[in-house]
Structures are given as C-alpha cells and as structure tokens.
Amino acid sequence: MADPIEPTHNGCLIHVYAAPRASRTQFVGIHDGMLKVQIAAPPVDGAANEALIAFFALSLQVSKKAVHLASGSSNKRKTLQIEGVSSAQARAAFGLLDL
C-alpha cells in the first residue's frame, strides 16, 4: 500500500480520497492508499474543498492558512500540503501509527 502521508521539508503531504455529500464530515479509513474523508458539503463552487481544508486544519490543530490544496481541486483524489505538521504528527492525529 502506498503511504497516504509523506514528509516534506516544512510539513507533510496528505493524499485524500474525498467523498462529498455525506451526512457529516469525518475520516473513515484508508481507500486505495489514500485517507478517505467523507465531506458533508456538496462539490459545488469549491464548498467541498473548503470543508476539507477546515476539517484537516481542525484535526491537525493548525490554521486554515497552513493547509493548501496542492492538487485535485476538481477531483475526488486530492493532495493536501500541510505546513508545520510532521508526517508522524499527522499519522498520530488519524490513528495511523502502524503505517
């Protein structure tokens, strides 16, 4: 399985499979080597991307400005760049210490 969380020089990259229009926004596990996150917002006018950024900022206890959508703005498969959070800290936040 590919590692869904990769270290960078100033934080980490998180590969996400986003499932919009869920009943609530939550991390549900690993899907195809990516973190699967259900998002309550619809994929309209960037609402789902904004909700995803807010979810990761809250989950990793950083500001929204520290979370950037690196790729996949109009795709279910996305890569988020998180500044100031190590890959180990991100794994711990999502209970993925064994990866």
PDB file of N, CA and C in Angstrom:
ATOM      1  N   MET A   1       0.850  -1.188   0.000  1.00  0.00           N
ATOM      2  CA  MET A   1       0.000   0.000   0.000  1.00  0.00           C
ATOM      3  C   MET A   1       0.889   1.241   0.000  1.00  0.00           C
ATOM      4  N   ALA A   2       0.540   2.204  -0.794  1.00  0.00           N
ATOM      5  CA  ALA A   2       1.246   3.480  -0.837  1.00  0.00           C
ATOM      6  C   ALA A   2       1.010   4.230   0.468  1.00  0.00           C
ATOM      7  N   ASP A   3       1.968   5.045   0.855  1.00  0.00           N
ATOM      8  CA  ASP A   3       1.848   5.810   2.087  1.00  0.00           C
ATOM      9  C   ASP A   3       0.990   7.051   1.825  1.00  0.00           C
ATOM     10  N   PRO A   4      -0.134   7.196   2.528  1.00  0.00           N
ATOM     11  CA  PRO A   4      -1.004   8.350   2.288  1.00  0.00           C
ATOM     12  C   PRO A   4      -0.464   9.656   2.861  1.00  0.00           C
ATOM     13  N   ILE A   5       0.562   9.563   3.719  1.00  0.00           N
ATOM     14  CA  ILE A   5       1.132  10.757   4.349  1.00  0.00           C
ATOM     15  C   ILE A   5       2.636  10.758   4.104  1.00  0.00           C
ATOM     16  N   GLU A   6       3.118  11.789   3.418  1.00  0.00           N
ATOM     17  CA  GLU A   6       4.536  11.892   3.069  1.00  0.00           C
ATOM     18  C   GLU A   6       5.161  13.110   3.721  1.00  0.00           C
ATOM     19  N   PRO A   7       6.381  12.971   4.236  1.00  0.00           N
ATOM     20  CA  PRO A   7       7.055  14.130   4.820  1.00  0.00           C
ATOM     21  C   PRO A   7       7.539  15.098   3.738  1.00  0.00           C
ATOM     22  N   THR A   8       7.570  16.377   4.071  1.00  0.00           N
ATOM     23  CA  THR A   8       8.166  17.411   3.222  1.00  0.00           C
ATOM     24  C   THR A   8       9.123  18.218   4.097  1.00  0.00           C
ATOM     25  N   HIS A   9       9.823  19.168   3.497  1.00  0.00           N
ATOM     26  CA  HIS A   9      10.798  19.943   4.267  1.00  0.00           C
ATOM     27  C   HIS A   9      10.156  20.830   5.332  1.00  0.00           C
ATOM     28  N   ASN A  10       8.899  21.210   5.161  1.00  0.00           N
ATOM     29  CA  ASN A  10       8.254  22.098   6.137  1.00  0.00           C
ATOM     30  C   ASN A  10       6.926  21.551   6.662  1.00  0.00           C
ATOM     31  N   GLY A  11       6.682  20.254   6.490  1.00  0.00           N
ATOM     32  CA  GLY A  11       5.417  19.688   6.951  1.00  0.00           C
ATOM     33  C   GLY A  11       5.187  18.319   6.342  1.00  0.00           C
ATOM     34  N   CYS A  12       4.031  18.154   5.692  1.00  0.00           N
ATOM     35  CA  CYS A  12       3.733  16.865   5.065  1.00  0.00           C
ATOM     36  C   CYS A  12       2.711  17.029   3.946  1.00  0.00           C
ATOM     37  N   LEU A  13       2.658  16.025   3.101  1.00  0.00           N
ATOM     38  CA  LEU A  13       1.634  15.914   2.065  1.00  0.00           C
ATOM     39  C   LEU A  13       0.688  14.800   2.482  1.00  0.00           C
ATOM     40  N   ILE A  14      -0.609  15.034   2.347  1.00  0.00           N
ATOM     41  CA  ILE A  14      -1.598  14.026   2.665  1.00  0.00           C
ATOM     42  C   ILE A  14      -2.435  13.764   1.420  1.00  0.00           C
ATOM     43  N   HIS A  15      -2.458  12.516   1.003  1.00  0.00           N
ATOM     44  CA  HIS A  15      -3.233  12.107  -0.167  1.00  0.00           C
ATOM     45  C   HIS A  15      -4.616  11.686   0.324  1.00  0.00           C
ATOM     46  N   VAL A  16      -5.640  12.298  -0.250  1.00  0.00           N
ATOM     47  CA  VAL A  16      -7.003  12.152   0.259  1.00  0.00           C
ATOM     48  C   VAL A  16      -7.939  11.686  -0.851  1.00  0.00           C
ATOM     49  N   TYR A  17      -8.830  10.770  -0.495  1.00  0.00           N
ATOM     50  CA  TYR A  17      -9.954  10.414  -1.355  1.00  0.00           C
ATOM     51  C   TYR A  17     -11.174  11.053  -0.707  1.00  0.00           C
ATOM     52  N   ALA A  18     -11.746  12.050  -1.342  1.00  0.00           N
ATOM     53  CA  ALA A  18     -12.861  12.820  -0.784  1.00  0.00           C
ATOM     54  C   ALA A  18     -14.193  12.301  -1.297  1.00  0.00           C
ATOM     55  N   ALA A  19     -15.116  12.078  -0.375  1.00  0.00           N
ATOM     56  CA  ALA A  19     -16.462  11.617  -0.722  1.00  0.00           C
ATOM     57  C   ALA A  19     -17.449  12.689  -0.273  1.00  0.00           C
ATOM     58  N   PRO A  20     -17.873  13.579  -1.188  1.00  0.00           N
ATOM     59  CA  PRO A  20     -18.770  14.675  -0.810  1.00  0.00           C
ATOM     60  C   PRO A  20     -20.208  14.221  -0.582  1.00  0.00           C
ATOM     61  N   ARG A  21     -21.000  15.123  -0.058  1.00  0.00           N
ATOM     62  CA  ARG A  21     -22.430  14.927   0.216  1.00  0.00           C
ATOM     63  C   ARG A  21     -22.705  13.813   1.215  1.00  0.00           C
ATOM     64  N   ALA A  22     -21.846  13.699   2.210  1.00  0.00           N
ATOM     65  CA  ALA A  22     -22.049  12.731   3.287  1.00  0.00           C
ATOM     66  C   ALA A  22     -22.924  13.373   4.362  1.00  0.00           C
ATOM     67  N   SER A  23     -23.371  12.571   5.307  1.00  0.00           N
ATOM     68  CA  SER A  23     -24.200  13.117   6.381  1.00  0.00           C
ATOM     69  C   SER A  23     -23.390  14.009   7.311  1.00  0.00           C
ATOM     70  N   ARG A  24     -22.077  13.735   7.427  1.00  0.00           N
ATOM     71  CA  ARG A  24     -21.191  14.602   8.213  1.00  0.00           C
ATOM     72  C   ARG A  24     -19.765  14.436   7.716  1.00  0.00           C
ATOM     73  N   THR A  25     -18.922  15.388   8.051  1.00  0.00           N
ATOM     74  CA  THR A  25     -17.530  15.344   7.635  1.00  0.00           C
ATOM     75  C   THR A  25     -16.739  14.531   8.648  1.00  0.00           C
ATOM     76  N   GLN A  26     -16.055  13.478   8.136  1.00  0.00           N
ATOM     77  CA  GLN A  26     -15.297  12.614   9.034  1.00  0.00           C
ATOM     78  C   GLN A  26     -14.296  11.766   8.268  1.00  0.00           C
ATOM     79  N   PHE A  27     -13.225  11.367   8.961  1.00  0.00           N
ATOM     80  CA  PHE A  27     -12.245  10.425   8.428  1.00  0.00           C
ATOM     81  C   PHE A  27     -12.821   9.030   8.615  1.00  0.00           C
ATOM     82  N   VAL A  28     -12.823   8.219   7.544  1.00  0.00           N
ATOM     83  CA  VAL A  28     -13.430   6.894   7.649  1.00  0.00           C
ATOM     84  C   VAL A  28     -12.455   5.743   7.407  1.00  0.00           C
ATOM     85  N   GLY A  29     -11.213   6.018   7.051  1.00  0.00           N
ATOM     86  CA  GLY A  29     -10.246   4.946   6.858  1.00  0.00           C
ATOM     87  C   GLY A  29      -9.373   5.163   5.643  1.00  0.00           C
ATOM     88  N   ILE A  30      -8.793   4.068   5.167  1.00  0.00           N
ATOM     89  CA  ILE A  30      -7.897   4.101   4.015  1.00  0.00           C
ATOM     90  C   ILE A  30      -8.635   3.541   2.804  1.00  0.00           C
ATOM     91  N   HIS A  31      -8.530   4.230   1.673  1.00  0.00           N
ATOM     92  CA  HIS A  31      -9.136   3.787   0.418  1.00  0.00           C
ATOM     93  C   HIS A  31      -8.098   3.935  -0.681  1.00  0.00           C
ATOM     94  N   ASP A  32      -7.701   2.835  -1.276  1.00  0.00           N
ATOM     95  CA  ASP A  32      -6.760   2.857  -2.402  1.00  0.00           C
ATOM     96  C   ASP A  32      -5.478   3.617  -2.057  1.00  0.00           C
ATOM     97  N   GLY A  33      -4.959   3.417  -0.846  1.00  0.00           N
ATOM     98  CA  GLY A  33      -3.720   4.065  -0.430  1.00  0.00           C
ATOM     99  C   GLY A  33      -3.859   5.529  -0.072  1.00  0.00           C
ATOM    100  N   MET A  34      -5.081   5.987   0.149  1.00  0.00           N
ATOM    101  CA  MET A  34      -5.336   7.395   0.488  1.00  0.00           C
ATOM    102  C   MET A  34      -6.223   7.459   1.724  1.00  0.00           C
ATOM    103  N   LEU A  35      -6.155   8.589   2.444  1.00  0.00           N
ATOM    104  CA  LEU A  35      -7.081   8.792   3.552  1.00  0.00           C
ATOM    105  C   LEU A  35      -8.454   9.078   2.964  1.00  0.00           C
ATOM    106  N   LYS A  36      -9.456   8.313   3.349  1.00  0.00           N
ATOM    107  CA  LYS A  36     -10.806   8.567   2.855  1.00  0.00           C
ATOM    108  C   LYS A  36     -11.524   9.459   3.858  1.00  0.00           C
ATOM    109  N   VAL A  37     -12.021  10.580   3.348  1.00  0.00           N
ATOM    110  CA  VAL A  37     -12.739  11.536   4.179  1.00  0.00           C
ATOM    111  C   VAL A  37     -14.102  11.790   3.556  1.00  0.00           C
ATOM    112  N   GLN A  38     -15.143  11.559   4.340  1.00  0.00           N
ATOM    113  CA  GLN A  38     -16.491  11.909   3.904  1.00  0.00           C
ATOM    114  C   GLN A  38     -16.693  13.388   4.230  1.00  0.00           C
ATOM    115  N   ILE A  39     -17.267  14.128   3.284  1.00  0.00           N
ATOM    116  CA  ILE A  39     -17.450  15.567   3.438  1.00  0.00           C
ATOM    117  C   ILE A  39     -18.934  15.881   3.327  1.00  0.00           C
ATOM    118  N   ALA A  40     -19.436  16.635   4.284  1.00  0.00           N
ATOM    119  CA  ALA A  40     -20.862  16.960   4.296  1.00  0.00           C
ATOM    120  C   ALA A  40     -21.238  17.936   3.175  1.00  0.00           C
ATOM    121  N   ALA A  41     -20.315  18.764   2.762  1.00  0.00           N
ATOM    122  CA  ALA A  41     -20.599  19.785   1.750  1.00  0.00           C
ATOM    123  C   ALA A  41     -20.684  19.168   0.346  1.00  0.00           C
ATOM    124  N   PRO A  42     -21.486  19.770  -0.523  1.00  0.00           N
ATOM    125  CA  PRO A  42     -21.543  19.298  -1.913  1.00  0.00           C
ATOM    126  C   PRO A  42     -20.348  19.832  -2.708  1.00  0.00           C
ATOM    127  N   PRO A  43     -19.990  19.170  -3.803  1.00  0.00           N
ATOM    128  CA  PRO A  43     -18.864  19.628  -4.620  1.00  0.00           C
ATOM    129  C   PRO A  43     -19.279  20.757  -5.569  1.00  0.00           C
ATOM    130  N   VAL A  44     -19.805  21.822  -5.023  1.00  0.00           N
ATOM    131  CA  VAL A  44     -20.302  22.947  -5.810  1.00  0.00           C
ATOM    132  C   VAL A  44     -19.601  24.224  -5.354  1.00  0.00           C
ATOM    133  N   ASP A  45     -19.072  24.974  -6.304  1.00  0.00           N
ATOM    134  CA  ASP A  45     -18.415  26.256  -6.030  1.00  0.00           C
ATOM    135  C   ASP A  45     -17.317  26.159  -4.978  1.00  0.00           C
ATOM    136  N   GLY A  46     -16.612  25.040  -4.936  1.00  0.00           N
ATOM    137  CA  GLY A  46     -15.494  24.880  -4.008  1.00  0.00           C
ATOM    138  C   GLY A  46     -15.882  24.611  -2.567  1.00  0.00           C
ATOM    139  N   ALA A  47     -17.162  24.387  -2.296  1.00  0.00           N
ATOM    140  CA  ALA A  47     -17.623  24.173  -0.915  1.00  0.00           C
ATOM    141  C   ALA A  47     -17.004  22.928  -0.300  1.00  0.00           C
ATOM    142  N   ALA A  48     -16.900  21.850  -1.047  1.00  0.00           N
ATOM    143  CA  ALA A  48     -16.320  20.620  -0.512  1.00  0.00           C
ATOM    144  C   ALA A  48     -14.833  20.804  -0.225  1.00  0.00           C
ATOM    145  N   ASN A  49     -14.118  21.505  -1.090  1.00  0.00           N
ATOM    146  CA  ASN A  49     -12.695  21.766  -0.851  1.00  0.00           C
ATOM    147  C   ASN A  49     -12.505  22.614   0.400  1.00  0.00           C
ATOM    148  N   GLU A  50     -13.337  23.634   0.571  1.00  0.00           N
ATOM    149  CA  GLU A  50     -13.241  24.475   1.761  1.00  0.00           C
ATOM    150  C   GLU A  50     -13.530  23.672   3.026  1.00  0.00           C
ATOM    151  N   ALA A  51     -14.522  22.785   2.964  1.00  0.00           N
ATOM    152  CA  ALA A  51     -14.852  21.944   4.114  1.00  0.00           C
ATOM    153  C   ALA A  51     -13.714  20.965   4.413  1.00  0.00           C
ATOM    154  N   LEU A  52     -13.081  20.450   3.383  1.00  0.00           N
ATOM    155  CA  LEU A  52     -11.959  19.534   3.556  1.00  0.00           C
ATOM    156  C   LEU A  52     -10.784  20.240   4.227  1.00  0.00           C
ATOM    157  N   ILE A  53     -10.474  21.438   3.771  1.00  0.00           N
ATOM    158  CA  ILE A  53      -9.388  22.220   4.372  1.00  0.00           C
ATOM    159  C   ILE A  53      -9.703  22.524   5.831  1.00  0.00           C
ATOM    160  N   ALA A  54     -10.925  22.919   6.122  1.00  0.00           N
ATOM    161  CA  ALA A  54     -11.324  23.208   7.501  1.00  0.00           C
ATOM    162  C   ALA A  54     -11.220  21.959   8.373  1.00  0.00           C
ATOM    163  N   PHE A  55     -11.634  20.806   7.834  1.00  0.00           N
ATOM    164  CA  PHE A  55     -11.563  19.546   8.576  1.00  0.00           C
ATOM    165  C   PHE A  55     -10.118  19.203   8.936  1.00  0.00           C
ATOM    166  N   PHE A  56      -9.198  19.304   7.970  1.00  0.00           N
ATOM    167  CA  PHE A  56      -7.803  18.978   8.251  1.00  0.00           C
ATOM    168  C   PHE A  56      -7.158  19.998   9.173  1.00  0.00           C
ATOM    169  N   ALA A  57      -7.503  21.261   9.036  1.00  0.00           N
ATOM    170  CA  ALA A  57      -6.969  22.273   9.945  1.00  0.00           C
ATOM    171  C   ALA A  57      -7.397  21.974  11.388  1.00  0.00           C
ATOM    172  N   LEU A  58      -8.656  21.655  11.572  1.00  0.00           N
ATOM    173  CA  LEU A  58      -9.170  21.330  12.908  1.00  0.00           C
ATOM    174  C   LEU A  58      -8.550  20.033  13.430  1.00  0.00           C
ATOM    175  N   SER A  59      -8.497  19.011  12.618  1.00  0.00           N
ATOM    176  CA  SER A  59      -7.965  17.711  13.029  1.00  0.00           C
ATOM    177  C   SER A  59      -6.486  17.780  13.405  1.00  0.00           C
ATOM    178  N   LEU A  60      -5.734  18.607  12.680  1.00  0.00           N
ATOM    179  CA  LEU A  60      -4.291  18.713  12.913  1.00  0.00           C
ATOM    180  C   LEU A  60      -3.924  19.913  13.783  1.00  0.00           C
ATOM    181  N   GLN A  61      -4.922  20.648  14.243  1.00  0.00           N
ATOM    182  CA  GLN A  61      -4.746  21.796  15.135  1.00  0.00           C
ATOM    183  C   GLN A  61      -3.801  22.846  14.560  1.00  0.00           C
ATOM    184  N   VAL A  62      -4.062  23.211  13.299  1.00  0.00           N
ATOM    185  CA  VAL A  62      -3.336  24.289  12.632  1.00  0.00           C
ATOM    186  C   VAL A  62      -4.362  25.252  12.042  1.00  0.00           C
ATOM    187  N   SER A  63      -3.900  26.406  11.608  1.00  0.00           N
ATOM    188  CA  SER A  63      -4.810  27.355  10.970  1.00  0.00           C
ATOM    189  C   SER A  63      -5.142  26.882   9.558  1.00  0.00           C
ATOM    190  N   LYS A  64      -6.237  27.385   9.021  1.00  0.00           N
ATOM    191  CA  LYS A  64      -6.613  27.037   7.652  1.00  0.00           C
ATOM    192  C   LYS A  64      -5.543  27.485   6.660  1.00  0.00           C
ATOM    193  N   LYS A  65      -4.803  28.537   7.004  1.00  0.00           N
ATOM    194  CA  LYS A  65      -3.747  29.029   6.118  1.00  0.00           C
ATOM    195  C   LYS A  65      -2.595  28.039   5.992  1.00  0.00           C
ATOM    196  N   ALA A  66      -2.473  27.106   6.938  1.00  0.00           N
ATOM    197  CA  ALA A  66      -1.405  26.104   6.900  1.00  0.00           C
ATOM    198  C   ALA A  66      -1.773  24.904   6.035  1.00  0.00           C
ATOM    199  N   VAL A  67      -3.013  24.851   5.563  1.00  0.00           N
ATOM    200  CA  VAL A  67      -3.496  23.728   4.747  1.00  0.00           C
ATOM    201  C   VAL A  67      -3.744  24.229   3.334  1.00  0.00           C
ATOM    202  N   HIS A  68      -3.049  23.641   2.367  1.00  0.00           N
ATOM    203  CA  HIS A  68      -3.174  24.066   0.969  1.00  0.00           C
ATOM    204  C   HIS A  68      -3.574  22.874   0.109  1.00  0.00           C
ATOM    205  N   LEU A  69      -4.446  23.105  -0.822  1.00  0.00           N
ATOM    206  CA  LEU A  69      -4.825  22.080  -1.788  1.00  0.00           C
ATOM    207  C   LEU A  69      -3.756  22.075  -2.886  1.00  0.00           C
ATOM    208  N   ALA A  70      -2.876  21.072  -2.857  1.00  0.00           N
ATOM    209  CA  ALA A  70      -1.761  21.006  -3.800  1.00  0.00           C
ATOM    210  C   ALA A  70      -2.193  20.488  -5.166  1.00  0.00           C
ATOM    211  N   SER A  71      -3.165  19.567  -5.179  1.00  0.00           N
ATOM    212  CA  SER A  71      -3.665  19.060  -6.455  1.00  0.00           C
ATOM    213  C   SER A  71      -5.035  18.434  -6.254  1.00  0.00           C
ATOM    214  N   GLY A  72      -5.784  18.330  -7.345  1.00  0.00           N
ATOM    215  CA  GLY A  72      -7.073  17.665  -7.324  1.00  0.00           C
ATOM    216  C   GLY A  72      -8.249  18.538  -6.965  1.00  0.00           C
ATOM    217  N   SER A  73      -8.208  19.810  -7.290  1.00  0.00           N
ATOM    218  CA  SER A  73      -9.286  20.721  -6.885  1.00  0.00           C
ATOM    219  C   SER A  73     -10.654  20.310  -7.424  1.00  0.00           C
ATOM    220  N   SER A  74     -10.689  19.649  -8.578  1.00  0.00           N
ATOM    221  CA  SER A  74     -11.977  19.234  -9.135  1.00  0.00           C
ATOM    222  C   SER A  74     -12.065  17.710  -9.272  1.00  0.00           C
ATOM    223  N   ASN A  75     -11.355  17.009  -8.405  1.00  0.00           N
ATOM    224  CA  ASN A  75     -11.283  15.560  -8.462  1.00  0.00           C
ATOM    225  C   ASN A  75     -11.519  15.001  -7.061  1.00  0.00           C
ATOM    226  N   LYS A  76     -11.959  13.765  -6.956  1.00  0.00           N
ATOM    227  CA  LYS A  76     -12.127  13.141  -5.639  1.00  0.00           C
ATOM    228  C   LYS A  76     -10.780  12.801  -5.014  1.00  0.00           C
ATOM    229  N   ARG A  77      -9.774  12.609  -5.847  1.00  0.00           N
ATOM    230  CA  ARG A  77      -8.425  12.313  -5.364  1.00  0.00           C
ATOM    231  C   ARG A  77      -7.660  13.627  -5.256  1.00  0.00           C
ATOM    232  N   LYS A  78      -7.272  13.962  -4.039  1.00  0.00           N
ATOM    233  CA  LYS A  78      -6.645  15.251  -3.788  1.00  0.00           C
ATOM    234  C   LYS A  78      -5.352  15.064  -3.011  1.00  0.00           C
ATOM    235  N   THR A  79      -4.485  16.044  -3.092  1.00  0.00           N
ATOM    236  CA  THR A  79      -3.291  16.084  -2.260  1.00  0.00           C
ATOM    237  C   THR A  79      -3.304  17.407  -1.512  1.00  0.00           C
ATOM    238  N   LEU A  80      -3.184  17.308  -0.196  1.00  0.00           N
ATOM    239  CA  LEU A  80      -3.128  18.492   0.651  1.00  0.00           C
ATOM    240  C   LEU A  80      -1.710  18.666   1.158  1.00  0.00           C
ATOM    241  N   GLN A  81      -1.229  19.902   1.153  1.00  0.00           N
ATOM    242  CA  GLN A  81       0.063  20.216   1.732  1.00  0.00           C
ATOM    243  C   GLN A  81      -0.215  20.873   3.078  1.00  0.00           C
ATOM    244  N   ILE A  82       0.353  20.308   4.133  1.00  0.00           N
ATOM    245  CA  ILE A  82       0.152  20.816   5.482  1.00  0.00           C
ATOM    246  C   ILE A  82       1.472  21.379   5.970  1.00  0.00           C
ATOM    247  N   GLU A  83       1.487  22.632   6.359  1.00  0.00           N
ATOM    248  CA  GLU A  83       2.705  23.260   6.862  1.00  0.00           C
ATOM    249  C   GLU A  83       2.739  23.175   8.382  1.00  0.00           C
ATOM    250  N   GLY A  84       3.913  22.860   8.923  1.00  0.00           N
ATOM    251  CA  GLY A  84       4.094  22.867  10.366  1.00  0.00           C
ATOM    252  C   GLY A  84       3.638  21.614  11.085  1.00  0.00           C
ATOM    253  N   VAL A  85       3.296  20.572  10.342  1.00  0.00           N
ATOM    254  CA  VAL A  85       2.872  19.302  10.938  1.00  0.00           C
ATOM    255  C   VAL A  85       3.708  18.201  10.304  1.00  0.00           C
ATOM    256  N   SER A  86       4.420  17.436  11.124  1.00  0.00           N
ATOM    257  CA  SER A  86       5.230  16.345  10.586  1.00  0.00           C
ATOM    258  C   SER A  86       4.334  15.187  10.156  1.00  0.00           C
ATOM    259  N   SER A  87       4.885  14.318   9.342  1.00  0.00           N
ATOM    260  CA  SER A  87       4.110  13.158   8.909  1.00  0.00           C
ATOM    261  C   SER A  87       3.756  12.278  10.113  1.00  0.00           C
ATOM    262  N   ALA A  88       4.640  12.196  11.100  1.00  0.00           N
ATOM    263  CA  ALA A  88       4.357  11.409  12.310  1.00  0.00           C
ATOM    264  C   ALA A  88       3.201  12.015  13.099  1.00  0.00           C
ATOM    265  N   GLN A  89       3.161  13.332  13.202  1.00  0.00           N
ATOM    266  CA  GLN A  89       2.059  14.009  13.909  1.00  0.00           C
ATOM    267  C   GLN A  89       0.736  13.780  13.179  1.00  0.00           C
ATOM    268  N   ALA A  90       0.770  13.834  11.851  1.00  0.00           N
ATOM    269  CA  ALA A  90      -0.449  13.606  11.063  1.00  0.00           C
ATOM    270  C   ALA A  90      -0.928  12.170  11.216  1.00  0.00           C
ATOM    271  N   ARG A  91       0.004  11.220  11.177  1.00  0.00           N
ATOM    272  CA  ARG A  91      -0.379   9.817  11.373  1.00  0.00           C
ATOM    273  C   ARG A  91      -1.029   9.628  12.742  1.00  0.00           C
ATOM    274  N   ALA A  92      -0.455  10.227  13.758  1.00  0.00           N
ATOM    275  CA  ALA A  92      -0.995  10.109  15.119  1.00  0.00           C
ATOM    276  C   ALA A  92      -2.393  10.708  15.197  1.00  0.00           C
ATOM    277  N   ALA A  93      -2.620  11.831  14.545  1.00  0.00           N
ATOM    278  CA  ALA A  93      -3.926  12.504  14.586  1.00  0.00           C
ATOM    279  C   ALA A  93      -5.027  11.629  13.998  1.00  0.00           C
ATOM    280  N   PHE A  94      -4.679  10.787  13.030  1.00  0.00           N
ATOM    281  CA  PHE A  94      -5.661   9.926  12.378  1.00  0.00           C
ATOM    282  C   PHE A  94      -5.537   8.458  12.794  1.00  0.00           C
ATOM    283  N   GLY A  95      -4.743   8.189  13.842  1.00  0.00           N
ATOM    284  CA  GLY A  95      -4.617   6.826  14.352  1.00  0.00           C
ATOM    285  C   GLY A  95      -3.932   5.880  13.397  1.00  0.00           C
ATOM    286  N   LEU A  96      -2.958   6.384  12.655  1.00  0.00           N
ATOM    287  CA  LEU A  96      -2.262   5.582  11.639  1.00  0.00           C
ATOM    288  C   LEU A  96      -0.794   5.345  12.004  1.00  0.00           C
ATOM    289  N   LEU A  97      -0.517   5.143  13.267  1.00  0.00           N
ATOM    290  CA  LEU A  97       0.864   4.995  13.712  1.00  0.00           C
ATOM    291  C   LEU A  97       1.530   3.741  13.183  1.00  0.00           C
ATOM    292  N   ASP A  98       0.746   2.745  12.799  1.00  0.00           N
ATOM    293  CA  ASP A  98       1.327   1.493  12.310  1.00  0.00           C
ATOM    294  C   ASP A  98       1.705   1.515  10.840  1.00  0.00           C
ATOM    295  N   LEU A  99       1.471   2.647  10.143  1.00  0.00           N
ATOM    296  CA  LEU A  99       1.834   2.735   8.716  1.00  0.00           C
ATOM    297  C   LEU A  99       3.281   3.138   8.559  1.00  0.00           C
TER     298      LEU A  99
END
